PDB file of N, CA and C in Angstrom:
ATOM      1  N   MET A   1     -20.215 -24.331   4.878  1.00  0.00           N
ATOM      2  CA  MET A   1     -20.216 -22.912   5.185  1.00  0.00           C
ATOM      3  C   MET A   1     -21.049 -22.166   4.148  1.00  0.00           C
ATOM      4  N   THR A   2     -21.821 -21.219   4.600  1.00  0.00           N
ATOM      5  CA  THR A   2     -22.643 -20.430   3.684  1.00  0.00           C
ATOM      6  C   THR A   2     -21.775 -19.386   2.968  1.00  0.00           C
ATOM      7  N   PRO A   3     -22.245 -18.867   1.853  1.00  0.00           N
ATOM      8  CA  PRO A   3     -21.502 -17.789   1.186  1.00  0.00           C
ATOM      9  C   PRO A   3     -21.249 -16.596   2.117  1.00  0.00           C
ATOM     10  N   ALA A   4     -22.218 -16.276   2.952  1.00  0.00           N
ATOM     11  CA  ALA A   4     -22.036 -15.157   3.889  1.00  0.00           C
ATOM     12  C   ALA A   4     -20.933 -15.468   4.894  1.00  0.00           C
ATOM     13  N   GLN A   5     -20.862 -16.695   5.360  1.00  0.00           N
ATOM     14  CA  GLN A   5     -19.803 -17.077   6.297  1.00  0.00           C
ATOM     15  C   GLN A   5     -18.432 -17.037   5.628  1.00  0.00           C
ATOM     16  N   ILE A   6     -18.379 -17.463   4.383  1.00  0.00           N
ATOM     17  CA  ILE A   6     -17.115 -17.390   3.625  1.00  0.00           C
ATOM     18  C   ILE A   6     -16.689 -15.938   3.491  1.00  0.00           C
ATOM     19  N   GLN A   7     -17.624 -15.060   3.138  1.00  0.00           N
ATOM     20  CA  GLN A   7     -17.308 -13.637   2.980  1.00  0.00           C
ATOM     21  C   GLN A   7     -16.818 -13.045   4.293  1.00  0.00           C
ATOM     22  N   THR A   8     -17.462 -13.401   5.395  1.00  0.00           N
ATOM     23  CA  THR A   8     -17.027 -12.913   6.710  1.00  0.00           C
ATOM     24  C   THR A   8     -15.622 -13.401   7.030  1.00  0.00           C
ATOM     25  N   LEU A   9     -15.336 -14.652   6.696  1.00  0.00           N
ATOM     26  CA  LEU A   9     -14.004 -15.202   6.936  1.00  0.00           C
ATOM     27  C   LEU A   9     -12.951 -14.449   6.123  1.00  0.00           C
ATOM     28  N   ILE A  10     -13.265 -14.138   4.875  1.00  0.00           N
ATOM     29  CA  ILE A  10     -12.342 -13.375   4.022  1.00  0.00           C
ATOM     30  C   ILE A  10     -12.130 -11.971   4.596  1.00  0.00           C
ATOM     31  N   GLU A  11     -13.206 -11.337   5.028  1.00  0.00           N
ATOM     32  CA  GLU A  11     -13.093 -10.000   5.612  1.00  0.00           C
ATOM     33  C   GLU A  11     -12.290 -10.030   6.910  1.00  0.00           C
ATOM     34  N   ASP A  12     -12.523 -11.042   7.735  1.00  0.00           N
ATOM     35  CA  ASP A  12     -11.742 -11.182   8.975  1.00  0.00           C
ATOM     36  C   ASP A  12     -10.271 -11.401   8.663  1.00  0.00           C
ATOM     37  N   ALA A  13      -9.996 -12.209   7.650  1.00  0.00           N
ATOM     38  CA  ALA A  13      -8.607 -12.467   7.247  1.00  0.00           C
ATOM     39  C   ALA A  13      -7.950 -11.188   6.742  1.00  0.00           C
ATOM     40  N   THR A  14      -8.686 -10.414   5.987  1.00  0.00           N
ATOM     41  CA  THR A  14      -8.151  -9.147   5.477  1.00  0.00           C
ATOM     42  C   THR A  14      -7.831  -8.211   6.638  1.00  0.00           C
ATOM     43  N   PHE A  15      -8.714  -8.165   7.620  1.00  0.00           N
ATOM     44  CA  PHE A  15      -8.456  -7.340   8.798  1.00  0.00           C
ATOM     45  C   PHE A  15      -7.212  -7.839   9.533  1.00  0.00           C
ATOM     46  N   ASP A  16      -7.103  -9.157   9.730  1.00  0.00           N
ATOM     47  CA  ASP A  16      -5.921  -9.717  10.391  1.00  0.00           C
ATOM     48  C   ASP A  16      -4.648  -9.303   9.656  1.00  0.00           C
ATOM     49  N   TYR A  17      -4.689  -9.399   8.339  1.00  0.00           N
ATOM     50  CA  TYR A  17      -3.515  -9.029   7.539  1.00  0.00           C
ATOM     51  C   TYR A  17      -3.160  -7.556   7.742  1.00  0.00           C
ATOM     52  N   THR A  18      -4.161  -6.689   7.719  1.00  0.00           N
ATOM     53  CA  THR A  18      -3.870  -5.261   7.888  1.00  0.00           C
ATOM     54  C   THR A  18      -3.305  -4.960   9.273  1.00  0.00           C
ATOM     55  N   MET A  19      -3.623  -5.818  10.244  1.00  0.00           N
ATOM     56  CA  MET A  19      -3.108  -5.633  11.608  1.00  0.00           C
ATOM     57  C   MET A  19      -1.773  -6.350  11.823  1.00  0.00           C
ATOM     58  N   GLY A  20      -1.246  -6.970  10.760  1.00  0.00           N
ATOM     59  CA  GLY A  20       0.052  -7.637  10.856  1.00  0.00           C
ATOM     60  C   GLY A  20      -0.012  -9.086  11.297  1.00  0.00           C
ATOM     61  N   ALA A  21      -1.198  -9.629  11.427  1.00  0.00           N
ATOM     62  CA  ALA A  21      -1.368 -11.030  11.842  1.00  0.00           C
ATOM     63  C   ALA A  21      -1.451 -11.906  10.587  1.00  0.00           C
ATOM     64  N   ASN A  22      -0.324 -12.015   9.898  1.00  0.00           N
ATOM     65  CA  ASN A  22      -0.285 -12.711   8.612  1.00  0.00           C
ATOM     66  C   ASN A  22      -0.656 -14.184   8.726  1.00  0.00           C
ATOM     67  N   ASP A  23      -0.121 -14.874   9.735  1.00  0.00           N
ATOM     68  CA  ASP A  23      -0.413 -16.303   9.879  1.00  0.00           C
ATOM     69  C   ASP A  23      -1.894 -16.532  10.151  1.00  0.00           C
ATOM     70  N   ALA A  24      -2.496 -15.698  10.985  1.00  0.00           N
ATOM     71  CA  ALA A  24      -3.931 -15.823  11.264  1.00  0.00           C
ATOM     72  C   ALA A  24      -4.736 -15.568   9.990  1.00  0.00           C
ATOM     73  N   ALA A  25      -4.330 -14.583   9.222  1.00  0.00           N
ATOM     74  CA  ALA A  25      -5.026 -14.272   7.972  1.00  0.00           C
ATOM     75  C   ALA A  25      -4.956 -15.451   7.010  1.00  0.00           C
ATOM     76  N   LEU A  26      -3.771 -16.004   6.843  1.00  0.00           N
ATOM     77  CA  LEU A  26      -3.622 -17.129   5.920  1.00  0.00           C
ATOM     78  C   LEU A  26      -4.364 -18.369   6.414  1.00  0.00           C
ATOM     79  N   ALA A  27      -4.410 -18.571   7.723  1.00  0.00           N
ATOM     80  CA  ALA A  27      -5.151 -19.713   8.272  1.00  0.00           C
ATOM     81  C   ALA A  27      -6.642 -19.566   7.975  1.00  0.00           C
ATOM     82  N   LYS A  28      -7.179 -18.363   8.126  1.00  0.00           N
ATOM     83  CA  LYS A  28      -8.597 -18.131   7.835  1.00  0.00           C
ATOM     84  C   LYS A  28      -8.875 -18.314   6.346  1.00  0.00           C
ATOM     85  N   LEU A  29      -7.964 -17.848   5.526  1.00  0.00           N
ATOM     86  CA  LEU A  29      -8.156 -18.002   4.087  1.00  0.00           C
ATOM     87  C   LEU A  29      -8.026 -19.461   3.663  1.00  0.00           C
ATOM     88  N   ALA A  30      -7.189 -20.217   4.361  1.00  0.00           N
ATOM     89  CA  ALA A  30      -7.094 -21.657   4.082  1.00  0.00           C
ATOM     90  C   ALA A  30      -8.429 -22.333   4.384  1.00  0.00           C
ATOM     91  N   ARG A  31      -9.059 -21.930   5.473  1.00  0.00           N
ATOM     92  CA  ARG A  31     -10.388 -22.454   5.803  1.00  0.00           C
ATOM     93  C   ARG A  31     -11.401 -22.061   4.731  1.00  0.00           C
ATOM     94  N   ALA A  32     -11.308 -20.817   4.274  1.00  0.00           N
ATOM     95  CA  ALA A  32     -12.247 -20.335   3.258  1.00  0.00           C
ATOM     96  C   ALA A  32     -12.070 -21.082   1.943  1.00  0.00           C
ATOM     97  N   THR A  33     -10.839 -21.275   1.505  1.00  0.00           N
ATOM     98  CA  THR A  33     -10.618 -21.959   0.231  1.00  0.00           C
ATOM     99  C   THR A  33     -10.941 -23.454   0.334  1.00  0.00           C
ATOM    100  N   ALA A  34     -10.767 -24.049   1.523  1.00  0.00           N
ATOM    101  CA  ALA A  34     -11.139 -25.455   1.707  1.00  0.00           C
ATOM    102  C   ALA A  34     -12.659 -25.611   1.669  1.00  0.00           C
ATOM    103  N   ALA A  35     -13.362 -24.691   2.295  1.00  0.00           N
ATOM    104  CA  ALA A  35     -14.824 -24.757   2.341  1.00  0.00           C
ATOM    105  C   ALA A  35     -15.462 -24.321   1.025  1.00  0.00           C
ATOM    106  N   ALA A  36     -14.807 -23.404   0.340  1.00  0.00           N
ATOM    107  CA  ALA A  36     -15.355 -22.867  -0.919  1.00  0.00           C
ATOM    108  C   ALA A  36     -14.229 -22.750  -1.944  1.00  0.00           C
ATOM    109  N   PRO A  37     -13.814 -23.869  -2.531  1.00  0.00           N
ATOM    110  CA  PRO A  37     -12.687 -23.832  -3.471  1.00  0.00           C
ATOM    111  C   PRO A  37     -12.950 -22.990  -4.717  1.00  0.00           C
ATOM    112  N   ASP A  38     -14.201 -22.580  -4.922  1.00  0.00           N
ATOM    113  CA  ASP A  38     -14.530 -21.731  -6.060  1.00  0.00           C
ATOM    114  C   ASP A  38     -14.657 -20.253  -5.680  1.00  0.00           C
ATOM    115  N   SER A  39     -14.128 -19.897  -4.520  1.00  0.00           N
ATOM    116  CA  SER A  39     -14.190 -18.503  -4.074  1.00  0.00           C
ATOM    117  C   SER A  39     -13.026 -17.703  -4.655  1.00  0.00           C
ATOM    118  N   PHE A  40     -13.330 -16.964  -5.692  1.00  0.00           N
ATOM    119  CA  PHE A  40     -12.319 -16.116  -6.325  1.00  0.00           C
ATOM    120  C   PHE A  40     -11.699 -15.159  -5.313  1.00  0.00           C
ATOM    121  N   GLU A  41     -12.537 -14.527  -4.513  1.00  0.00           N
ATOM    122  CA  GLU A  41     -12.052 -13.526  -3.563  1.00  0.00           C
ATOM    123  C   GLU A  41     -11.066 -14.119  -2.561  1.00  0.00           C
ATOM    124  N   ALA A  42     -11.344 -15.331  -2.092  1.00  0.00           N
ATOM    125  CA  ALA A  42     -10.437 -15.978  -1.136  1.00  0.00           C
ATOM    126  C   ALA A  42      -9.090 -16.281  -1.779  1.00  0.00           C
ATOM    127  N   TRP A  43      -9.112 -16.847  -2.971  1.00  0.00           N
ATOM    128  CA  TRP A  43      -7.849 -17.173  -3.653  1.00  0.00           C
ATOM    129  C   TRP A  43      -7.048 -15.909  -3.965  1.00  0.00           C
ATOM    130  N   HIS A  44      -7.741 -14.851  -4.375  1.00  0.00           N
ATOM    131  CA  HIS A  44      -7.034 -13.609  -4.681  1.00  0.00           C
ATOM    132  C   HIS A  44      -6.385 -13.037  -3.421  1.00  0.00           C
ATOM    133  N   ALA A  45      -7.099 -13.098  -2.312  1.00  0.00           N
ATOM    134  CA  ALA A  45      -6.533 -12.622  -1.045  1.00  0.00           C
ATOM    135  C   ALA A  45      -5.313 -13.446  -0.647  1.00  0.00           C
ATOM    136  N   VAL A  46      -5.378 -14.758  -0.819  1.00  0.00           N
ATOM    137  CA  VAL A  46      -4.224 -15.624  -0.525  1.00  0.00           C
ATOM    138  C   VAL A  46      -3.036 -15.212  -1.387  1.00  0.00           C
ATOM    139  N   ALA A  47      -3.297 -14.959  -2.652  1.00  0.00           N
ATOM    140  CA  ALA A  47      -2.226 -14.550  -3.561  1.00  0.00           C
ATOM    141  C   ALA A  47      -1.587 -13.239  -3.119  1.00  0.00           C
ATOM    142  N   GLU A  48      -2.413 -12.255  -2.800  1.00  0.00           N
ATOM    143  CA  GLU A  48      -1.885 -10.943  -2.423  1.00  0.00           C
ATOM    144  C   GLU A  48      -1.097 -10.987  -1.110  1.00  0.00           C
ATOM    145  N   ILE A  49      -1.587 -11.724  -0.134  1.00  0.00           N
ATOM    146  CA  ILE A  49      -0.873 -11.803   1.141  1.00  0.00           C
ATOM    147  C   ILE A  49       0.454 -12.521   0.955  1.00  0.00           C
ATOM    148  N   ASN A  50       0.446 -13.634   0.241  1.00  0.00           N
ATOM    149  CA  ASN A  50       1.702 -14.351   0.010  1.00  0.00           C
ATOM    150  C   ASN A  50       2.679 -13.514  -0.811  1.00  0.00           C
ATOM    151  N   PHE A  51       2.159 -12.759  -1.777  1.00  0.00           N
ATOM    152  CA  PHE A  51       3.038 -11.885  -2.554  1.00  0.00           C
ATOM    153  C   PHE A  51       3.704 -10.846  -1.644  1.00  0.00           C
ATOM    154  N   SER A  52       2.918 -10.270  -0.755  1.00  0.00           N
ATOM    155  CA  SER A  52       3.483  -9.248   0.133  1.00  0.00           C
ATOM    156  C   SER A  52       4.521  -9.841   1.085  1.00  0.00           C
ATOM    157  N   LEU A  53       4.383 -11.131   1.375  1.00  0.00           N
ATOM    158  CA  LEU A  53       5.346 -11.815   2.252  1.00  0.00           C
ATOM    159  C   LEU A  53       6.524 -12.404   1.464  1.00  0.00           C
ATOM    160  N   ARG A  54       6.544 -12.163   0.165  1.00  0.00           N
ATOM    161  CA  ARG A  54       7.602 -12.625  -0.730  1.00  0.00           C
ATOM    162  C   ARG A  54       7.598 -14.147  -0.886  1.00  0.00           C
ATOM    163  N   ARG A  55       6.468 -14.762  -0.635  1.00  0.00           N
ATOM    164  CA  ARG A  55       6.275 -16.209  -0.852  1.00  0.00           C
ATOM    165  C   ARG A  55       5.718 -16.365  -2.262  1.00  0.00           C
ATOM    166  N   LEU A  56       6.603 -16.239  -3.233  1.00  0.00           N
ATOM    167  CA  LEU A  56       6.170 -16.135  -4.619  1.00  0.00           C
ATOM    168  C   LEU A  56       5.530 -17.419  -5.146  1.00  0.00           C
ATOM    169  N   GLY A  57       6.037 -18.577  -4.729  1.00  0.00           N
ATOM    170  CA  GLY A  57       5.448 -19.833  -5.184  1.00  0.00           C
ATOM    171  C   GLY A  57       4.010 -19.983  -4.719  1.00  0.00           C
ATOM    172  N   ALA A  58       3.768 -19.707  -3.452  1.00  0.00           N
ATOM    173  CA  ALA A  58       2.411 -19.790  -2.906  1.00  0.00           C
ATOM    174  C   ALA A  58       1.519 -18.720  -3.523  1.00  0.00           C
ATOM    175  N   ALA A  59       2.074 -17.533  -3.735  1.00  0.00           N
ATOM    176  CA  ALA A  59       1.309 -16.452  -4.356  1.00  0.00           C
ATOM    177  C   ALA A  59       0.893 -16.840  -5.774  1.00  0.00           C
ATOM    178  N   LEU A  60       1.824 -17.408  -6.523  1.00  0.00           N
ATOM    179  CA  LEU A  60       1.527 -17.797  -7.897  1.00  0.00           C
ATOM    180  C   LEU A  60       0.476 -18.900  -7.950  1.00  0.00           C
ATOM    181  N   ALA A  61       0.599 -19.901  -7.092  1.00  0.00           N
ATOM    182  CA  ALA A  61      -0.382 -20.990  -7.088  1.00  0.00           C
ATOM    183  C   ALA A  61      -1.783 -20.458  -6.796  1.00  0.00           C
ATOM    184  N   ALA A  62      -1.903 -19.581  -5.817  1.00  0.00           N
ATOM    185  CA  ALA A  62      -3.208 -19.016  -5.467  1.00  0.00           C
ATOM    186  C   ALA A  62      -3.728 -18.109  -6.588  1.00  0.00           C
ATOM    187  N   ALA A  63      -2.860 -17.299  -7.164  1.00  0.00           N
ATOM    188  CA  ALA A  63      -3.276 -16.398  -8.241  1.00  0.00           C
ATOM    189  C   ALA A  63      -3.735 -17.188  -9.467  1.00  0.00           C
ATOM    190  N   GLU A  64      -3.039 -18.277  -9.757  1.00  0.00           N
ATOM    191  CA  GLU A  64      -3.453 -19.094 -10.898  1.00  0.00           C
ATOM    192  C   GLU A  64      -4.822 -19.723 -10.652  1.00  0.00           C
ATOM    193  N   GLN A  65      -5.084 -20.129  -9.415  1.00  0.00           N
ATOM    194  CA  GLN A  65      -6.400 -20.680  -9.090  1.00  0.00           C
ATOM    195  C   GLN A  65      -7.470 -19.598  -9.248  1.00  0.00           C
ATOM    196  N   ALA A  66      -7.206 -18.410  -8.754  1.00  0.00           N
ATOM    197  CA  ALA A  66      -8.160 -17.306  -8.908  1.00  0.00           C
ATOM    198  C   ALA A  66      -8.382 -17.002 -10.388  1.00  0.00           C
ATOM    199  N   HIS A  67      -7.316 -17.020 -11.166  1.00  0.00           N
ATOM    200  CA  HIS A  67      -7.416 -16.733 -12.596  1.00  0.00           C
ATOM    201  C   HIS A  67      -8.249 -17.798 -13.308  1.00  0.00           C
ATOM    202  N   ARG A  68      -8.116 -19.057 -12.897  1.00  0.00           N
ATOM    203  CA  ARG A  68      -8.948 -20.115 -13.483  1.00  0.00           C
ATOM    204  C   ARG A  68     -10.435 -19.849 -13.206  1.00  0.00           C
ATOM    205  N   LEU A  69     -10.707 -19.267 -12.060  1.00  0.00           N
ATOM    206  CA  LEU A  69     -12.092 -18.991 -11.687  1.00  0.00           C
ATOM    207  C   LEU A  69     -12.656 -17.755 -12.377  1.00  0.00           C
ATOM    208  N   ARG A  70     -11.793 -16.764 -12.623  1.00  0.00           N
ATOM    209  CA  ARG A  70     -12.275 -15.496 -13.197  1.00  0.00           C
ATOM    210  C   ARG A  70     -11.141 -14.857 -14.012  1.00  0.00           C
ATOM    211  N   SER A  71     -10.916 -15.398 -15.192  1.00  0.00           N
ATOM    212  CA  SER A  71      -9.789 -14.931 -16.010  1.00  0.00           C
ATOM    213  C   SER A  71      -9.979 -13.520 -16.551  1.00  0.00           C
ATOM    214  N   ASP A  72     -11.210 -13.028 -16.529  1.00  0.00           N
ATOM    215  CA  ASP A  72     -11.472 -11.692 -17.071  1.00  0.00           C
ATOM    216  C   ASP A  72     -11.457 -10.609 -15.994  1.00  0.00           C
ATOM    217  N   ASP A  73     -10.847 -10.913 -14.852  1.00  0.00           N
ATOM    218  CA  ASP A  73     -10.767  -9.925 -13.778  1.00  0.00           C
ATOM    219  C   ASP A  73      -9.491  -9.094 -13.935  1.00  0.00           C
ATOM    220  N   LEU A  74      -9.652  -7.794 -13.970  1.00  0.00           N
ATOM    221  CA  LEU A  74      -8.529  -6.866 -14.107  1.00  0.00           C
ATOM    222  C   LEU A  74      -7.486  -7.078 -13.017  1.00  0.00           C
ATOM    223  N   PHE A  75      -7.943  -7.215 -11.777  1.00  0.00           N
ATOM    224  CA  PHE A  75      -7.012  -7.237 -10.651  1.00  0.00           C
ATOM    225  C   PHE A  75      -6.212  -8.526 -10.554  1.00  0.00           C
ATOM    226  N   ILE A  76      -6.798  -9.679 -10.899  1.00  0.00           N
ATOM    227  CA  ILE A  76      -6.024 -10.915 -10.837  1.00  0.00           C
ATOM    228  C   ILE A  76      -4.986 -10.930 -11.955  1.00  0.00           C
ATOM    229  N   ASN A  77      -5.306 -10.339 -13.090  1.00  0.00           N
ATOM    230  CA  ASN A  77      -4.311 -10.240 -14.154  1.00  0.00           C
ATOM    231  C   ASN A  77      -3.156  -9.340 -13.735  1.00  0.00           C
ATOM    232  N   THR A  78      -3.473  -8.264 -13.028  1.00  0.00           N
ATOM    233  CA  THR A  78      -2.424  -7.383 -12.504  1.00  0.00           C
ATOM    234  C   THR A  78      -1.581  -8.110 -11.469  1.00  0.00           C
ATOM    235  N   THR A  79      -2.222  -8.862 -10.590  1.00  0.00           N
ATOM    236  CA  THR A  79      -1.497  -9.630  -9.577  1.00  0.00           C
ATOM    237  C   THR A  79      -0.558 -10.624 -10.238  1.00  0.00           C
ATOM    238  N   LEU A  80      -1.048 -11.338 -11.233  1.00  0.00           N
ATOM    239  CA  LEU A  80      -0.191 -12.303 -11.931  1.00  0.00           C
ATOM    240  C   LEU A  80       0.983 -11.599 -12.620  1.00  0.00           C
ATOM    241  N   SER A  81       0.740 -10.454 -13.189  1.00  0.00           N
ATOM    242  CA  SER A  81       1.822  -9.699 -13.815  1.00  0.00           C
ATOM    243  C   SER A  81       2.899  -9.332 -12.791  1.00  0.00           C
ATOM    244  N   ARG A  82       2.466  -8.871 -11.625  1.00  0.00           N
ATOM    245  CA  ARG A  82       3.432  -8.487 -10.579  1.00  0.00           C
ATOM    246  C   ARG A  82       4.220  -9.697 -10.084  1.00  0.00           C
ATOM    247  N   ILE A  83       3.539 -10.821  -9.904  1.00  0.00           N
ATOM    248  CA  ILE A  83       4.224 -12.024  -9.425  1.00  0.00           C
ATOM    249  C   ILE A  83       5.261 -12.483 -10.447  1.00  0.00           C
ATOM    250  N   TRP A  84       4.861 -12.573 -11.701  1.00  0.00           N
ATOM    251  CA  TRP A  84       5.798 -13.029 -12.728  1.00  0.00           C
ATOM    252  C   TRP A  84       6.979 -12.071 -12.882  1.00  0.00           C
ATOM    253  N   MET A  85       6.739 -10.792 -12.735  1.00  0.00           N
ATOM    254  CA  MET A  85       7.845  -9.837 -12.812  1.00  0.00           C
ATOM    255  C   MET A  85       8.834 -10.097 -11.682  1.00  0.00           C
ATOM    256  N   GLU A  86       8.329 -10.317 -10.482  1.00  0.00           N
ATOM    257  CA  GLU A  86       9.210 -10.600  -9.343  1.00  0.00           C
ATOM    258  C   GLU A  86       9.951 -11.915  -9.514  1.00  0.00           C
ATOM    259  N   LYS A  87       9.338 -12.861 -10.199  1.00  0.00           N
ATOM    260  CA  LYS A  87       9.984 -14.144 -10.444  1.00  0.00           C
ATOM    261  C   LYS A  87      10.997 -14.054 -11.587  1.00  0.00           C
ATOM    262  N   GLY A  88      11.021 -12.904 -12.268  1.00  0.00           N
ATOM    263  CA  GLY A  88      12.003 -12.689 -13.321  1.00  0.00           C
ATOM    264  C   GLY A  88      11.565 -13.103 -14.712  1.00  0.00           C
ATOM    265  N   ASP A  89      10.291 -13.392 -14.900  1.00  0.00           N
ATOM    266  CA  ASP A  89       9.781 -13.779 -16.216  1.00  0.00           C
ATOM    267  C   ASP A  89       9.036 -12.586 -16.816  1.00  0.00           C
ATOM    268  N   LYS A  90       9.804 -11.719 -17.449  1.00  0.00           N
ATOM    269  CA  LYS A  90       9.248 -10.476 -17.980  1.00  0.00           C
ATOM    270  C   LYS A  90       8.207 -10.724 -19.078  1.00  0.00           C
ATOM    271  N   ALA A  91       8.434 -11.717 -19.927  1.00  0.00           N
ATOM    272  CA  ALA A  91       7.497 -11.986 -21.021  1.00  0.00           C
ATOM    273  C   ALA A  91       6.129 -12.398 -20.486  1.00  0.00           C
ATOM    274  N   THR A  92       6.105 -13.275 -19.506  1.00  0.00           N
ATOM    275  CA  THR A  92       4.827 -13.702 -18.933  1.00  0.00           C
ATOM    276  C   THR A  92       4.189 -12.550 -18.165  1.00  0.00           C
ATOM    277  N   ALA A  93       5.007 -11.772 -17.463  1.00  0.00           N
ATOM    278  CA  ALA A  93       4.491 -10.603 -16.748  1.00  0.00           C
ATOM    279  C   ALA A  93       3.830  -9.633 -17.721  1.00  0.00           C
ATOM    280  N   GLU A  94       4.474  -9.410 -18.855  1.00  0.00           N
ATOM    281  CA  GLU A  94       3.923  -8.489 -19.845  1.00  0.00           C
ATOM    282  C   GLU A  94       2.628  -9.025 -20.444  1.00  0.00           C
ATOM    283  N   LYS A  95       2.536 -10.335 -20.610  1.00  0.00           N
ATOM    284  CA  LYS A  95       1.296 -10.941 -21.136  1.00  0.00           C
ATOM    285  C   LYS A  95       0.130 -10.633 -20.202  1.00  0.00           C
ATOM    286  N   PHE A  96       0.318 -10.859 -18.904  1.00  0.00           N
ATOM    287  CA  PHE A  96      -0.758 -10.584 -17.953  1.00  0.00           C
ATOM    288  C   PHE A  96      -0.989  -9.080 -17.796  1.00  0.00           C
ATOM    289  N   GLY A  97       0.068  -8.287 -17.888  1.00  0.00           N
ATOM    290  CA  GLY A  97      -0.082  -6.836 -17.824  1.00  0.00           C
ATOM    291  C   GLY A  97      -0.887  -6.309 -18.997  1.00  0.00           C
ATOM    292  N   ALA A  98      -0.642  -6.857 -20.175  1.00  0.00           N
ATOM    293  CA  ALA A  98      -1.396  -6.439 -21.356  1.00  0.00           C
ATOM    294  C   ALA A  98      -2.864  -6.833 -21.216  1.00  0.00           C
ATOM    295  N   GLN A  99      -3.107  -8.022 -20.681  1.00  0.00           N
ATOM    296  CA  GLN A  99      -4.492  -8.459 -20.466  1.00  0.00           C
ATOM    297  C   GLN A  99      -5.195  -7.514 -19.486  1.00  0.00           C
ATOM    298  N   ALA A 100      -4.490  -7.133 -18.432  1.00  0.00           N
ATOM    299  CA  ALA A 100      -5.073  -6.200 -17.459  1.00  0.00           C
ATOM    300  C   ALA A 100      -5.399  -4.865 -18.122  1.00  0.00           C
ATOM    301  N   LYS A 101      -4.507  -4.403 -18.970  1.00  0.00           N
ATOM    302  CA  LYS A 101      -4.739  -3.129 -19.655  1.00  0.00           C
ATOM    303  C   LYS A 101      -5.961  -3.215 -20.564  1.00  0.00           C
ATOM    304  N   ILE A 102      -6.096  -4.309 -21.289  1.00  0.00           N
ATOM    305  CA  ILE A 102      -7.263  -4.496 -22.165  1.00  0.00           C
ATOM    306  C   ILE A 102      -8.546  -4.510 -21.335  1.00  0.00           C
ATOM    307  N   LEU A 103      -8.522  -5.222 -20.217  1.00  0.00           N
ATOM    308  CA  LEU A 103      -9.698  -5.277 -19.348  1.00  0.00           C
ATOM    309  C   LEU A 103     -10.031  -3.895 -18.787  1.00  0.00           C
ATOM    310  N   SER A 104      -9.004  -3.114 -18.488  1.00  0.00           N
ATOM    311  CA  SER A 104      -9.224  -1.760 -17.994  1.00  0.00           C
ATOM    312  C   SER A 104      -9.874  -0.895 -19.075  1.00  0.00           C
ATOM    313  N   TRP A 105      -9.401  -1.020 -20.299  1.00  0.00           N
ATOM    314  CA  TRP A 105      -9.994  -0.253 -21.397  1.00  0.00           C
ATOM    315  C   TRP A 105     -11.451  -0.648 -21.613  1.00  0.00           C
ATOM    316  N   LYS A 106     -11.727  -1.958 -21.548  1.00  0.00           N
ATOM    317  CA  LYS A 106     -13.110  -2.412 -21.704  1.00  0.00           C
ATOM    318  C   LYS A 106     -13.990  -1.800 -20.623  1.00  0.00           C
ATOM    319  N   ASP A 107     -13.475  -1.762 -19.394  1.00  0.00           N
ATOM    320  CA  ASP A 107     -14.236  -1.168 -18.298  1.00  0.00           C
ATOM    321  C   ASP A 107     -14.468   0.322 -18.541  1.00  0.00           C
ATOM    322  N   GLN A 108     -13.463   1.009 -19.050  1.00  0.00           N
ATOM    323  CA  GLN A 108     -13.608   2.435 -19.329  1.00  0.00           C
ATOM    324  C   GLN A 108     -14.670   2.683 -20.392  1.00  0.00           C
ATOM    325  N   LEU A 109     -14.732   1.809 -21.392  1.00  0.00           N
ATOM    326  CA  LEU A 109     -15.738   1.969 -22.443  1.00  0.00           C
ATOM    327  C   LEU A 109     -17.145   1.703 -21.914  1.00  0.00           C
ATOM    328  N   LYS A 110     -17.275   0.732 -20.995  1.00  0.00           N
ATOM    329  CA  LYS A 110     -18.577   0.398 -20.412  1.00  0.00           C
ATOM    330  C   LYS A 110     -19.023   1.433 -19.387  1.00  0.00           C
ATOM    331  N   ASN A 111     -18.063   2.014 -18.664  1.00  0.00           N
ATOM    332  CA  ASN A 111     -18.366   2.908 -17.534  1.00  0.00           C
ATOM    333  C   ASN A 111     -17.546   4.191 -17.641  1.00  0.00           C
ATOM    334  N   PRO A 112     -17.791   5.020 -18.642  1.00  0.00           N
ATOM    335  CA  PRO A 112     -16.950   6.193 -18.845  1.00  0.00           C
ATOM    336  C   PRO A 112     -16.952   7.208 -17.708  1.00  0.00           C
ATOM    337  N   GLY A 113     -17.966   7.204 -16.886  1.00  0.00           N
ATOM    338  CA  GLY A 113     -18.026   8.176 -15.800  1.00  0.00           C
ATOM    339  C   GLY A 113     -17.522   7.645 -14.471  1.00  0.00           C
ATOM    340  N   SER A 114     -17.113   6.380 -14.411  1.00  0.00           N
ATOM    341  CA  SER A 114     -16.661   5.806 -13.150  1.00  0.00           C
ATOM    342  C   SER A 114     -15.229   6.239 -12.853  1.00  0.00           C
ATOM    343  N   PRO A 115     -14.816   6.187 -11.579  1.00  0.00           N
ATOM    344  CA  PRO A 115     -13.440   6.568 -11.233  1.00  0.00           C
ATOM    345  C   PRO A 115     -12.416   5.753 -12.027  1.00  0.00           C
ATOM    346  N   GLN A 116     -12.694   4.468 -12.209  1.00  0.00           N
ATOM    347  CA  GLN A 116     -11.774   3.645 -12.972  1.00  0.00           C
ATOM    348  C   GLN A 116     -11.882   3.966 -14.461  1.00  0.00           C
ATOM    349  N   GLY A 117     -13.016   4.553 -14.865  1.00  0.00           N
ATOM    350  CA  GLY A 117     -13.244   4.894 -16.257  1.00  0.00           C
ATOM    351  C   GLY A 117     -12.516   6.136 -16.710  1.00  0.00           C
ATOM    352  N   GLY A 118     -11.979   6.900 -15.799  1.00  0.00           N
ATOM    353  CA  GLY A 118     -11.095   7.987 -16.162  1.00  0.00           C
ATOM    354  C   GLY A 118     -11.707   9.360 -16.348  1.00  0.00           C
ATOM    355  N   LEU A 119     -12.983   9.558 -16.128  1.00  0.00           N
ATOM    356  CA  LEU A 119     -13.548  10.900 -16.299  1.00  0.00           C
ATOM    357  C   LEU A 119     -13.864  11.563 -15.021  1.00  0.00           C
TER     358      LEU A 119
END
C-alpha cells in the first residue's frame, strides 16, 4: 500500500468512527497498521478509538507502539497519560502528562504566534 492509500484508510476509519461504526473503523486501522507498521497516525487512531470504547489494554498497546515511533509527540504523550490515569496508575500518568506539558512549552517557544502557542 502506498503512503497515500494508508492515509486514505486512516481518514476513512476516522470518518467511520465519527459515524459510530467503531468495528469498521478498527478493521480499517488494522489493515493500515498491518500494511504500514510504522504509521504513527494509524497507531494513534487505534489507541484513541479503543480508549473511547474503554478497551484500555488495546488502547495502551497501540499508544505504546505510536510512542515508540514518535516519542516527542505532544498528543501521544497526552493519550498515554489519559490511559494510565484510567488504569489507575497515577504516577505513570503524571510522567506522560509532564512530558506532554514540556512538549507543549517547547512548541510555544518555537511558535509563539500559533493557536497552540498561546498568543
